[in-house]
């Protein structure tokens, strides 16, 4: 006699239906409304005039460029921090681990003010660079610093589980076979880290592209120099140009989606090379 197994959770059909409904209400519907609003409240000529103006194009380049640089820095240094937290025991480790999540807890405006005070020409760190003509605040460099600050936890928290679950027996076997530390890292450890590093990069990049609060205080907001795309959106909103703000936001949405799709495809390719299952 066969007994029908029962699951604590609902079946596939109601679970999938609820998931699609929740996803539609929280993600698809607002984003679709944004795009539709931007194209229905103005003709294509007006839309193109807004999104292709030199000032807006410069803000696109700065936002995506600074986000990419910050995400790359976080991927490199965040991987090192995650490695130290996982592989070593030292005094103050728990405090260091807790500090990683500080950008999550701090309001973005507080982060921006703190970074501006530290990296300004008369700040604790900026004062050491000012005599050499190096400005760390109120320019694109300040934007990269702010985006690096808010994106670091995404990389560290993505890398930590992968490093914890990595089989150290493979490293020991490589050492027994005479492999050097560099060869062991390059052949065994690094390939396992690549998919997680790409995920951390994507999360840090996506977080940085839309950041406003922490950047606005340290950017300087100079036209054609240090204006980010979210600032352009806010400028149009302050002028009650909702259609123009929606047009800029739609372009950012489209470019961000394409970039994240490419990163996800690269991540899937990395998993296939490792023989992993997503």
C-alpha atoms as a PDB file:
ATOM      1  CA  UNK A   1       0.000   0.000   0.000  1.00  0.00           C
ATOM      2  CA  UNK A   2       1.405   3.329  -1.049  1.00  0.00           C
ATOM      3  CA  UNK A   3       1.128   6.334   1.251  1.00  0.00           C
ATOM      4  CA  UNK A   4       1.030   9.788  -0.183  1.00  0.00           C
ATOM      5  CA  UNK A   5       3.747  11.999   1.257  1.00  0.00           C
ATOM      6  CA  UNK A   6       2.679  15.345   2.628  1.00  0.00           C
ATOM      7  CA  UNK A   7       4.818  18.425   2.748  1.00  0.00           C
ATOM      8  CA  UNK A   8       4.704  21.058   5.441  1.00  0.00           C
ATOM      9  CA  UNK A   9       4.791  23.773   2.761  1.00  0.00           C
ATOM     10  CA  UNK A  10       2.146  24.173   0.037  1.00  0.00           C
ATOM     11  CA  UNK A  11       2.601  22.472  -3.315  1.00  0.00           C
ATOM     12  CA  UNK A  12       4.390  23.790  -6.362  1.00  0.00           C
ATOM     13  CA  UNK A  13       1.391  25.501  -7.989  1.00  0.00           C
ATOM     14  CA  UNK A  14       0.266  27.716  -5.066  1.00  0.00           C
ATOM     15  CA  UNK A  15       3.859  28.444  -4.046  1.00  0.00           C
ATOM     16  CA  UNK A  16       4.803  29.496  -7.585  1.00  0.00           C
ATOM     17  CA  UNK A  17       1.639  31.568  -7.902  1.00  0.00           C
ATOM     18  CA  UNK A  18       2.297  33.395  -4.650  1.00  0.00           C
ATOM     19  CA  UNK A  19       5.929  33.978  -5.620  1.00  0.00           C
ATOM     20  CA  UNK A  20       4.999  35.421  -9.002  1.00  0.00           C
ATOM     21  CA  UNK A  21       2.308  37.606  -7.427  1.00  0.00           C
ATOM     22  CA  UNK A  22       4.695  38.961  -4.807  1.00  0.00           C
ATOM     23  CA  UNK A  23       7.439  39.514  -7.394  1.00  0.00           C
ATOM     24  CA  UNK A  24       5.007  41.321  -9.690  1.00  0.00           C
ATOM     25  CA  UNK A  25       3.661  43.610  -6.980  1.00  0.00           C
ATOM     26  CA  UNK A  26       7.023  44.480  -5.455  1.00  0.00           C
ATOM     27  CA  UNK A  27       9.338  44.538  -8.505  1.00  0.00           C
ATOM     28  CA  UNK A  28       7.787  44.138 -11.941  1.00  0.00           C
ATOM     29  CA  UNK A  29       4.805  46.456 -11.514  1.00  0.00           C
ATOM     30  CA  UNK A  30       6.735  49.483 -10.138  1.00  0.00           C
ATOM     31  CA  UNK A  31       9.486  49.133 -12.744  1.00  0.00           C
ATOM     32  CA  UNK A  32       6.982  48.715 -15.570  1.00  0.00           C
ATOM     33  CA  UNK A  33       5.064  51.751 -14.344  1.00  0.00           C
ATOM     34  CA  UNK A  34       8.291  53.764 -14.350  1.00  0.00           C
ATOM     35  CA  UNK A  35       9.084  52.884 -17.958  1.00  0.00           C
ATOM     36  CA  UNK A  36       5.509  53.427 -19.133  1.00  0.00           C
ATOM     37  CA  UNK A  37       5.308  56.786 -17.390  1.00  0.00           C
ATOM     38  CA  UNK A  38       8.519  57.970 -19.006  1.00  0.00           C
ATOM     39  CA  UNK A  39       7.341  57.119 -22.541  1.00  0.00           C
ATOM     40  CA  UNK A  40       3.679  58.124 -22.254  1.00  0.00           C
ATOM     41  CA  UNK A  41       4.105  61.535 -20.618  1.00  0.00           C
ATOM     42  CA  UNK A  42       6.380  62.799 -23.396  1.00  0.00           C
ATOM     43  CA  UNK A  43       7.138  62.013 -27.010  1.00  0.00           C
ATOM     44  CA  UNK A  44      10.295  60.244 -28.088  1.00  0.00           C
ATOM     45  CA  UNK A  45      11.921  63.516 -29.100  1.00  0.00           C
ATOM     46  CA  UNK A  46      11.542  64.940 -25.623  1.00  0.00           C
ATOM     47  CA  UNK A  47      12.619  61.642 -24.082  1.00  0.00           C
ATOM     48  CA  UNK A  48      15.789  61.540 -26.150  1.00  0.00           C
ATOM     49  CA  UNK A  49      16.526  65.202 -25.474  1.00  0.00           C
ATOM     50  CA  UNK A  50      16.447  64.589 -21.723  1.00  0.00           C
ATOM     51  CA  UNK A  51      18.475  61.376 -21.612  1.00  0.00           C
ATOM     52  CA  UNK A  52      21.082  62.487 -24.164  1.00  0.00           C
ATOM     53  CA  UNK A  53      21.871  65.942 -22.824  1.00  0.00           C
ATOM     54  CA  UNK A  54      25.618  66.370 -22.157  1.00  0.00           C
ATOM     55  CA  UNK A  55      25.115  66.899 -18.449  1.00  0.00           C
ATOM     56  CA  UNK A  56      23.045  63.730 -18.054  1.00  0.00           C
ATOM     57  CA  UNK A  57      25.407  61.658 -20.207  1.00  0.00           C
ATOM     58  CA  UNK A  58      28.321  62.816 -18.047  1.00  0.00           C
ATOM     59  CA  UNK A  59      26.405  61.718 -14.954  1.00  0.00           C
ATOM     60  CA  UNK A  60      25.803  58.282 -16.523  1.00  0.00           C
ATOM     61  CA  UNK A  61      29.492  57.823 -17.225  1.00  0.00           C
ATOM     62  CA  UNK A  62      30.448  58.902 -13.719  1.00  0.00           C
ATOM     63  CA  UNK A  63      27.834  56.749 -11.959  1.00  0.00           C
ATOM     64  CA  UNK A  64      28.567  53.542 -13.832  1.00  0.00           C
ATOM     65  CA  UNK A  65      32.314  54.145 -14.027  1.00  0.00           C
ATOM     66  CA  UNK A  66      32.724  54.963 -10.347  1.00  0.00           C
ATOM     67  CA  UNK A  67      30.468  52.035  -9.411  1.00  0.00           C
ATOM     68  CA  UNK A  68      32.589  49.639 -11.477  1.00  0.00           C
ATOM     69  CA  UNK A  69      35.836  50.922  -9.936  1.00  0.00           C
ATOM     70  CA  UNK A  70      34.405  50.718  -6.407  1.00  0.00           C
ATOM     71  CA  UNK A  71      33.069  47.202  -7.045  1.00  0.00           C
ATOM     72  CA  UNK A  72      36.467  46.072  -8.347  1.00  0.00           C
ATOM     73  CA  UNK A  73      38.225  47.493  -5.285  1.00  0.00           C
ATOM     74  CA  UNK A  74      35.713  45.808  -3.013  1.00  0.00           C
ATOM     75  CA  UNK A  75      36.099  42.495  -4.832  1.00  0.00           C
ATOM     76  CA  UNK A  76      39.860  42.533  -4.343  1.00  0.00           C
ATOM     77  CA  UNK A  77      40.117  43.839  -0.797  1.00  0.00           C
ATOM     78  CA  UNK A  78      36.847  42.226   0.327  1.00  0.00           C
ATOM     79  CA  UNK A  79      38.159  38.819  -0.721  1.00  0.00           C
ATOM     80  CA  UNK A  80      41.291  39.398   1.345  1.00  0.00           C
ATOM     81  CA  UNK A  81      39.244  40.448   4.379  1.00  0.00           C
ATOM     82  CA  UNK A  82      36.958  37.428   4.013  1.00  0.00           C
ATOM     83  CA  UNK A  83      40.017  35.157   3.765  1.00  0.00           C
ATOM     84  CA  UNK A  84      41.488  36.597   6.968  1.00  0.00           C
ATOM     85  CA  UNK A  85      38.198  36.276   8.871  1.00  0.00           C
ATOM     86  CA  UNK A  86      37.729  32.658   7.794  1.00  0.00           C
ATOM     87  CA  UNK A  87      41.252  31.266   7.903  1.00  0.00           C
ATOM     88  CA  UNK A  88      42.829  32.965  10.944  1.00  0.00           C
ATOM     89  CA  UNK A  89      42.120  33.437  14.633  1.00  0.00           C
ATOM     90  CA  UNK A  90      43.304  36.688  16.195  1.00  0.00           C
ATOM     91  CA  UNK A  91      42.453  39.161  18.918  1.00  0.00           C
ATOM     92  CA  UNK A  92      39.572  41.458  17.926  1.00  0.00           C
ATOM     93  CA  UNK A  93      38.274  39.170  15.185  1.00  0.00           C
ATOM     94  CA  UNK A  94      34.658  39.462  16.331  1.00  0.00           C
ATOM     95  CA  UNK A  95      34.893  43.243  16.448  1.00  0.00           C
ATOM     96  CA  UNK A  96      36.351  43.314  12.945  1.00  0.00           C
ATOM     97  CA  UNK A  97      33.622  40.966  11.726  1.00  0.00           C
ATOM     98  CA  UNK A  98      30.945  43.204  13.243  1.00  0.00           C
ATOM     99  CA  UNK A  99      32.449  46.342  11.689  1.00  0.00           C
ATOM    100  CA  UNK A 100      31.963  44.829   8.217  1.00  0.00           C
ATOM    101  CA  UNK A 101      28.195  45.228   8.591  1.00  0.00           C
ATOM    102  CA  UNK A 102      28.423  48.823   9.825  1.00  0.00           C
ATOM    103  CA  UNK A 103      27.612  50.351   6.390  1.00  0.00           C
ATOM    104  CA  UNK A 104      24.371  48.320   6.456  1.00  0.00           C
ATOM    105  CA  UNK A 105      23.282  49.828   9.770  1.00  0.00           C
ATOM    106  CA  UNK A 106      24.410  53.428   9.281  1.00  0.00           C
ATOM    107  CA  UNK A 107      22.064  55.882   7.522  1.00  0.00           C
ATOM    108  CA  UNK A 108      23.561  56.866   4.194  1.00  0.00           C
ATOM    109  CA  UNK A 109      23.505  60.564   5.075  1.00  0.00           C
ATOM    110  CA  UNK A 110      25.546  59.869   8.216  1.00  0.00           C
ATOM    111  CA  UNK A 111      28.041  57.906   6.131  1.00  0.00           C
ATOM    112  CA  UNK A 112      28.365  60.777   3.668  1.00  0.00           C
ATOM    113  CA  UNK A 113      28.938  63.364   6.379  1.00  0.00           C
ATOM    114  CA  UNK A 114      31.508  61.159   8.140  1.00  0.00           C
ATOM    115  CA  UNK A 115      33.409  60.464   4.928  1.00  0.00           C
ATOM    116  CA  UNK A 116      33.386  64.146   3.984  1.00  0.00           C
ATOM    117  CA  UNK A 117      34.794  65.137   7.379  1.00  0.00           C
ATOM    118  CA  UNK A 118      37.554  62.531   7.183  1.00  0.00           C
ATOM    119  CA  UNK A 119      38.642  62.892   3.550  1.00  0.00           C
ATOM    120  CA  UNK A 120      38.231  66.652   3.141  1.00  0.00           C
ATOM    121  CA  UNK A 121      41.355  68.796   2.772  1.00  0.00           C
ATOM    122  CA  UNK A 122      41.371  69.538   6.493  1.00  0.00           C
ATOM    123  CA  UNK A 123      40.124  66.097   7.577  1.00  0.00           C
ATOM    124  CA  UNK A 124      41.968  63.405   9.477  1.00  0.00           C
ATOM    125  CA  UNK A 125      43.098  61.639   6.307  1.00  0.00           C
ATOM    126  CA  UNK A 126      42.702  64.323   3.672  1.00  0.00           C
ATOM    127  CA  UNK A 127      45.142  66.666   5.405  1.00  0.00           C
ATOM    128  CA  UNK A 128      48.028  64.325   4.631  1.00  0.00           C
ATOM    129  CA  UNK A 129      47.288  64.402   0.883  1.00  0.00           C
ATOM    130  CA  UNK A 130      46.346  68.069   0.530  1.00  0.00           C
ATOM    131  CA  UNK A 131      49.968  69.391   0.593  1.00  0.00           C
ATOM    132  CA  UNK A 132      50.684  67.274  -2.491  1.00  0.00           C
ATOM    133  CA  UNK A 133      47.688  68.624  -4.384  1.00  0.00           C
ATOM    134  CA  UNK A 134      45.731  65.376  -4.015  1.00  0.00           C
ATOM    135  CA  UNK A 135      42.047  65.910  -3.244  1.00  0.00           C
ATOM    136  CA  UNK A 136      40.114  62.937  -1.897  1.00  0.00           C
ATOM    137  CA  UNK A 137      36.776  64.701  -1.449  1.00  0.00           C
ATOM    138  CA  UNK A 138      34.429  66.843  -3.521  1.00  0.00           C
ATOM    139  CA  UNK A 139      35.516  65.226  -6.780  1.00  0.00           C
ATOM    140  CA  UNK A 140      35.117  61.834  -8.536  1.00  0.00           C
ATOM    141  CA  UNK A 141      37.666  60.282  -6.160  1.00  0.00           C
ATOM    142  CA  UNK A 142      35.347  61.064  -3.264  1.00  0.00           C
ATOM    143  CA  UNK A 143      32.503  59.316  -5.075  1.00  0.00           C
ATOM    144  CA  UNK A 144      34.599  56.162  -5.463  1.00  0.00           C
ATOM    145  CA  UNK A 145      35.476  56.277  -1.760  1.00  0.00           C
ATOM    146  CA  UNK A 146      31.818  56.544  -0.750  1.00  0.00           C
ATOM    147  CA  UNK A 147      30.727  53.749  -3.107  1.00  0.00           C
ATOM    148  CA  UNK A 148      33.540  51.528  -1.856  1.00  0.00           C
ATOM    149  CA  UNK A 149      32.448  52.135   1.727  1.00  0.00           C
ATOM    150  CA  UNK A 150      28.833  51.106   1.163  1.00  0.00           C
ATOM    151  CA  UNK A 151      29.637  48.133  -1.084  1.00  0.00           C
ATOM    152  CA  UNK A 152      32.281  46.319   0.964  1.00  0.00           C
ATOM    153  CA  UNK A 153      29.880  44.182   3.078  1.00  0.00           C
ATOM    154  CA  UNK A 154      28.301  42.640  -0.021  1.00  0.00           C
ATOM    155  CA  UNK A 155      31.592  41.128  -1.156  1.00  0.00           C
ATOM    156  CA  UNK A 156      32.780  39.992   2.268  1.00  0.00           C
ATOM    157  CA  UNK A 157      29.496  38.328   3.198  1.00  0.00           C
ATOM    158  CA  UNK A 158      29.323  36.613  -0.182  1.00  0.00           C
ATOM    159  CA  UNK A 159      32.868  35.266   0.005  1.00  0.00           C
ATOM    160  CA  UNK A 160      32.819  34.030   3.612  1.00  0.00           C
ATOM    161  CA  UNK A 161      30.469  31.016   3.159  1.00  0.00           C
ATOM    162  CA  UNK A 162      32.400  29.847   0.095  1.00  0.00           C
ATOM    163  CA  UNK A 163      35.729  29.972   1.913  1.00  0.00           C
ATOM    164  CA  UNK A 164      34.264  28.208   4.954  1.00  0.00           C
ATOM    165  CA  UNK A 165      32.856  25.355   2.860  1.00  0.00           C
ATOM    166  CA  UNK A 166      35.975  24.960   0.757  1.00  0.00           C
ATOM    167  CA  UNK A 167      37.560  21.548   1.265  1.00  0.00           C
ATOM    168  CA  UNK A 168      40.943  22.073   2.850  1.00  0.00           C
ATOM    169  CA  UNK A 169      41.784  18.449   2.150  1.00  0.00           C
ATOM    170  CA  UNK A 170      42.399  19.453  -1.463  1.00  0.00           C
ATOM    171  CA  UNK A 171      44.973  21.987  -0.319  1.00  0.00           C
ATOM    172  CA  UNK A 172      46.641  19.419   1.912  1.00  0.00           C
ATOM    173  CA  UNK A 173      46.722  16.911  -0.952  1.00  0.00           C
ATOM    174  CA  UNK A 174      48.303  19.497  -3.239  1.00  0.00           C
ATOM    175  CA  UNK A 175      50.921  20.285  -0.609  1.00  0.00           C
ATOM    176  CA  UNK A 176      51.696  16.584  -0.207  1.00  0.00           C
ATOM    177  CA  UNK A 177      52.198  16.331  -3.971  1.00  0.00           C
ATOM    178  CA  UNK A 178      54.756  19.117  -3.816  1.00  0.00           C
ATOM    179  CA  UNK A 179      52.663  22.046  -5.020  1.00  0.00           C
ATOM    180  CA  UNK A 180      53.771  25.470  -3.821  1.00  0.00           C
ATOM    181  CA  UNK A 181      51.413  27.839  -2.046  1.00  0.00           C
ATOM    182  CA  UNK A 182      51.011  29.949  -5.184  1.00  0.00           C
ATOM    183  CA  UNK A 183      50.145  26.926  -7.345  1.00  0.00           C
ATOM    184  CA  UNK A 184      47.696  25.679  -4.710  1.00  0.00           C
ATOM    185  CA  UNK A 185      45.971  29.049  -4.616  1.00  0.00           C
ATOM    186  CA  UNK A 186      45.923  29.441  -8.401  1.00  0.00           C
ATOM    187  CA  UNK A 187      44.759  25.915  -9.224  1.00  0.00           C
ATOM    188  CA  UNK A 188      42.500  25.019  -6.287  1.00  0.00           C
ATOM    189  CA  UNK A 189      41.408  27.998  -4.214  1.00  0.00           C
ATOM    190  CA  UNK A 190      41.042  30.758  -6.799  1.00  0.00           C
ATOM    191  CA  UNK A 191      38.731  28.835  -9.208  1.00  0.00           C
ATOM    192  CA  UNK A 192      36.381  28.096  -6.307  1.00  0.00           C
ATOM    193  CA  UNK A 193      36.345  31.787  -5.359  1.00  0.00           C
ATOM    194  CA  UNK A 194      35.561  33.142  -8.840  1.00  0.00           C
ATOM    195  CA  UNK A 195      31.744  32.565  -8.892  1.00  0.00           C
ATOM    196  CA  UNK A 196      31.345  34.050  -5.405  1.00  0.00           C
ATOM    197  CA  UNK A 197      33.602  36.969  -6.338  1.00  0.00           C
ATOM    198  CA  UNK A 198      31.459  37.674  -9.399  1.00  0.00           C
ATOM    199  CA  UNK A 199      28.331  37.567  -7.251  1.00  0.00           C
ATOM    200  CA  UNK A 200      29.869  39.973  -4.746  1.00  0.00           C
ATOM    201  CA  UNK A 201      30.967  42.252  -7.587  1.00  0.00           C
ATOM    202  CA  UNK A 202      27.446  42.284  -9.028  1.00  0.00           C
ATOM    203  CA  UNK A 203      25.859  43.055  -5.659  1.00  0.00           C
ATOM    204  CA  UNK A 204      28.359  45.811  -4.858  1.00  0.00           C
ATOM    205  CA  UNK A 205      27.982  47.288  -8.346  1.00  0.00           C
ATOM    206  CA  UNK A 206      24.175  47.251  -8.212  1.00  0.00           C
ATOM    207  CA  UNK A 207      24.207  48.852  -4.766  1.00  0.00           C
ATOM    208  CA  UNK A 208      26.637  51.549  -5.866  1.00  0.00           C
ATOM    209  CA  UNK A 209      24.794  52.546  -9.059  1.00  0.00           C
ATOM    210  CA  UNK A 210      21.733  53.723  -7.180  1.00  0.00           C
ATOM    211  CA  UNK A 211      23.481  55.200  -4.144  1.00  0.00           C
ATOM    212  CA  UNK A 212      22.598  58.811  -3.366  1.00  0.00           C
ATOM    213  CA  UNK A 213      22.742  59.690   0.328  1.00  0.00           C
ATOM    214  CA  UNK A 214      26.365  58.908   1.111  1.00  0.00           C
ATOM    215  CA  UNK A 215      27.647  60.264  -2.217  1.00  0.00           C
ATOM    216  CA  UNK A 216      25.898  63.607  -2.314  1.00  0.00           C
ATOM    217  CA  UNK A 217      27.939  65.035   0.579  1.00  0.00           C
ATOM    218  CA  UNK A 218      31.374  64.023  -0.655  1.00  0.00           C
ATOM    219  CA  UNK A 219      30.886  64.400  -4.423  1.00  0.00           C
ATOM    220  CA  UNK A 220      31.023  68.180  -4.686  1.00  0.00           C
ATOM    221  CA  UNK A 221      28.200  68.078  -7.276  1.00  0.00           C
ATOM    222  CA  UNK A 222      30.074  70.069  -9.907  1.00  0.00           C
ATOM    223  CA  UNK A 223      28.276  70.048 -13.298  1.00  0.00           C
ATOM    224  CA  UNK A 224      29.966  67.771 -15.844  1.00  0.00           C
ATOM    225  CA  UNK A 225      32.539  66.766 -13.218  1.00  0.00           C
ATOM    226  CA  UNK A 226      31.069  65.157 -10.113  1.00  0.00           C
ATOM    227  CA  UNK A 227      27.327  64.914 -10.657  1.00  0.00           C
ATOM    228  CA  UNK A 228      25.921  61.393 -10.377  1.00  0.00           C
ATOM    229  CA  UNK A 229      22.833  60.175 -12.224  1.00  0.00           C
ATOM    230  CA  UNK A 230      20.633  59.944  -9.079  1.00  0.00           C
ATOM    231  CA  UNK A 231      21.391  63.641  -8.495  1.00  0.00           C
ATOM    232  CA  UNK A 232      20.109  64.396 -12.005  1.00  0.00           C
ATOM    233  CA  UNK A 233      16.910  62.546 -11.150  1.00  0.00           C
ATOM    234  CA  UNK A 234      16.493  64.557  -7.962  1.00  0.00           C
ATOM    235  CA  UNK A 235      17.162  67.797  -9.841  1.00  0.00           C
ATOM    236  CA  UNK A 236      14.340  67.041 -12.285  1.00  0.00           C
ATOM    237  CA  UNK A 237      12.030  66.096  -9.424  1.00  0.00           C
ATOM    238  CA  UNK A 238      12.755  69.368  -7.642  1.00  0.00           C
ATOM    239  CA  UNK A 239      11.761  71.157 -10.858  1.00  0.00           C
ATOM    240  CA  UNK A 240       8.545  69.074 -10.990  1.00  0.00           C
ATOM    241  CA  UNK A 241       9.743  67.484 -14.213  1.00  0.00           C
ATOM    242  CA  UNK A 242       8.530  63.998 -13.329  1.00  0.00           C
ATOM    243  CA  UNK A 243       8.650  62.777 -16.913  1.00  0.00           C
ATOM    244  CA  UNK A 244      12.296  63.812 -17.265  1.00  0.00           C
ATOM    245  CA  UNK A 245      13.210  62.151 -13.971  1.00  0.00           C
ATOM    246  CA  UNK A 246      11.436  58.967 -15.057  1.00  0.00           C
ATOM    247  CA  UNK A 247      13.277  59.048 -18.404  1.00  0.00           C
ATOM    248  CA  UNK A 248      16.701  59.201 -16.723  1.00  0.00           C
ATOM    249  CA  UNK A 249      15.678  56.496 -14.269  1.00  0.00           C
ATOM    250  CA  UNK A 250      14.494  54.272 -17.125  1.00  0.00           C
ATOM    251  CA  UNK A 251      17.852  54.526 -18.886  1.00  0.00           C
ATOM    252  CA  UNK A 252      19.665  53.663 -15.646  1.00  0.00           C
ATOM    253  CA  UNK A 253      17.313  50.732 -15.138  1.00  0.00           C
ATOM    254  CA  UNK A 254      17.940  49.389 -18.632  1.00  0.00           C
ATOM    255  CA  UNK A 255      21.724  49.725 -18.486  1.00  0.00           C
ATOM    256  CA  UNK A 256      21.883  48.218 -14.994  1.00  0.00           C
ATOM    257  CA  UNK A 257      19.741  45.262 -16.056  1.00  0.00           C
ATOM    258  CA  UNK A 258      21.926  44.529 -19.073  1.00  0.00           C
ATOM    259  CA  UNK A 259      25.143  44.753 -17.049  1.00  0.00           C
ATOM    260  CA  UNK A 260      23.804  42.511 -14.287  1.00  0.00           C
ATOM    261  CA  UNK A 261      22.556  40.024 -16.880  1.00  0.00           C
ATOM    262  CA  UNK A 262      26.031  39.848 -18.414  1.00  0.00           C
ATOM    263  CA  UNK A 263      27.614  39.384 -14.981  1.00  0.00           C
ATOM    264  CA  UNK A 264      25.143  36.609 -14.141  1.00  0.00           C
ATOM    265  CA  UNK A 265      25.912  34.872 -17.430  1.00  0.00           C
ATOM    266  CA  UNK A 266      29.617  35.083 -16.651  1.00  0.00           C
ATOM    267  CA  UNK A 267      28.950  33.674 -13.200  1.00  0.00           C
ATOM    268  CA  UNK A 268      26.955  30.762 -14.681  1.00  0.00           C
ATOM    269  CA  UNK A 269      29.797  30.063 -17.084  1.00  0.00           C
ATOM    270  CA  UNK A 270      32.215  29.983 -14.157  1.00  0.00           C
ATOM    271  CA  UNK A 271      30.027  27.479 -12.319  1.00  0.00           C
ATOM    272  CA  UNK A 272      29.849  25.274 -15.407  1.00  0.00           C
ATOM    273  CA  UNK A 273      33.624  25.231 -15.663  1.00  0.00           C
ATOM    274  CA  UNK A 274      33.843  24.171 -12.029  1.00  0.00           C
ATOM    275  CA  UNK A 275      31.166  21.542 -12.518  1.00  0.00           C
ATOM    276  CA  UNK A 276      28.927  23.229  -9.943  1.00  0.00           C
ATOM    277  CA  UNK A 277      25.172  23.214  -9.948  1.00  0.00           C
ATOM    278  CA  UNK A 278      23.343  26.449  -9.569  1.00  0.00           C
END
